[in-house]
């Protein structure tokens, strides 16, 4: 649970001080990258999947939540 909290804080602070406009497209890309990273870990970890991929799973879940929240708020796509 502590890892999930740290990941969420890192995602939230990652945008602080940035002049880049956050868009649904950029959030979706971050989500897809996190999912791919987690899936790669799962594919290469063998029997130690849970221990080795737990942090990547937490990042992917946090990114998915951020993406779903952005979709529900109606952020626009890149133009």
Protein backbone atom coordinates (compact mmCIF):
# COMPACT_ATOMS: atom_id res chain seq x y z
CA UNK A 1 0.00 0.00 0.00
CA UNK A 2 2.91 2.33 0.73
CA UNK A 3 4.23 1.79 -2.82
CA UNK A 4 0.89 2.79 -4.32
CA UNK A 5 0.83 5.98 -2.24
CA UNK A 6 4.38 6.84 -3.32
CA UNK A 7 3.53 6.21 -6.96
CA UNK A 8 0.47 8.45 -6.77
CA UNK A 9 2.49 11.21 -5.16
CA UNK A 10 5.18 10.89 -7.82
CA UNK A 11 2.60 11.08 -10.60
CA UNK A 12 0.98 14.13 -9.06
CA UNK A 13 4.28 15.90 -8.43
CA UNK A 14 5.60 15.00 -11.86
CA UNK A 15 3.42 17.68 -13.41
CA UNK A 16 4.23 20.39 -10.87
CA UNK A 17 6.20 23.27 -12.27
CA UNK A 18 5.68 22.09 -15.81
CA UNK A 19 4.51 24.56 -18.42
CA UNK A 20 3.33 21.71 -20.67
CA UNK A 21 -0.43 21.43 -20.97
CA UNK A 22 -1.73 18.06 -19.84
CA UNK A 23 -3.95 16.42 -22.40
CA UNK A 24 -5.93 13.23 -22.50
CA UNK A 25 -3.56 11.96 -25.20
CA UNK A 26 -0.47 12.45 -23.03
CA UNK A 27 -2.16 10.82 -20.03
CA UNK A 28 -3.26 7.89 -22.22
CA UNK A 29 0.31 7.50 -23.52
CA UNK A 30 1.66 7.41 -19.95
CA UNK A 31 -0.95 4.78 -19.09
CA UNK A 32 -0.08 2.64 -22.12
CA UNK A 33 3.65 2.92 -21.38
CA UNK A 34 3.08 1.82 -17.78
CA UNK A 35 0.94 -1.11 -18.93
CA UNK A 36 3.59 -2.22 -21.43
CA UNK A 37 6.33 -1.95 -18.81
CA UNK A 38 4.29 -4.08 -16.41
CA UNK A 39 3.46 -6.64 -19.10
CA UNK A 40 7.14 -6.90 -20.09
CA UNK A 41 8.01 -7.55 -16.46
CA UNK A 42 5.32 -10.23 -16.23
CA UNK A 43 6.58 -11.89 -19.41
CA UNK A 44 10.21 -12.01 -18.29
CA UNK A 45 9.85 -12.70 -14.54
CA UNK A 46 8.95 -16.35 -14.54
CA UNK A 47 7.91 -17.61 -11.10
CA UNK A 48 8.85 -14.40 -9.26
CA UNK A 49 6.16 -12.31 -10.96
CA UNK A 50 4.51 -10.96 -7.82
CA UNK A 51 7.71 -9.91 -6.06
CA UNK A 52 9.48 -8.45 -9.06
CA UNK A 53 6.55 -6.73 -10.75
CA UNK A 54 4.61 -5.36 -7.79
CA UNK A 55 5.90 -1.82 -8.14
CA UNK A 56 5.30 -1.84 -11.90
CA UNK A 57 1.76 -3.06 -11.29
CA UNK A 58 1.17 -0.22 -8.82
CA UNK A 59 2.44 2.31 -11.37
CA UNK A 60 0.21 0.83 -14.07
CA UNK A 61 -2.83 0.90 -11.78
CA UNK A 62 -2.16 4.50 -10.76
CA UNK A 63 -1.72 5.51 -14.40
CA UNK A 64 -4.98 3.78 -15.29
CA UNK A 65 -6.79 5.66 -12.51
CA UNK A 66 -5.31 8.95 -13.69
CA UNK A 67 -6.42 8.20 -17.25
CA UNK A 68 -9.95 7.26 -16.18
CA UNK A 69 -10.19 10.41 -14.04
CA UNK A 70 -9.02 12.53 -16.97
CA UNK A 71 -11.60 10.95 -19.26
CA UNK A 72 -14.38 11.60 -16.75
CA UNK A 73 -13.29 15.25 -16.42
CA UNK A 74 -13.40 15.65 -20.19
CA UNK A 75 -9.83 16.73 -20.88
CA UNK A 76 -9.28 17.39 -24.57
CA UNK A 77 -6.95 15.54 -26.88
CA UNK A 78 -3.78 17.01 -28.41
CA UNK A 79 -4.48 19.32 -31.28
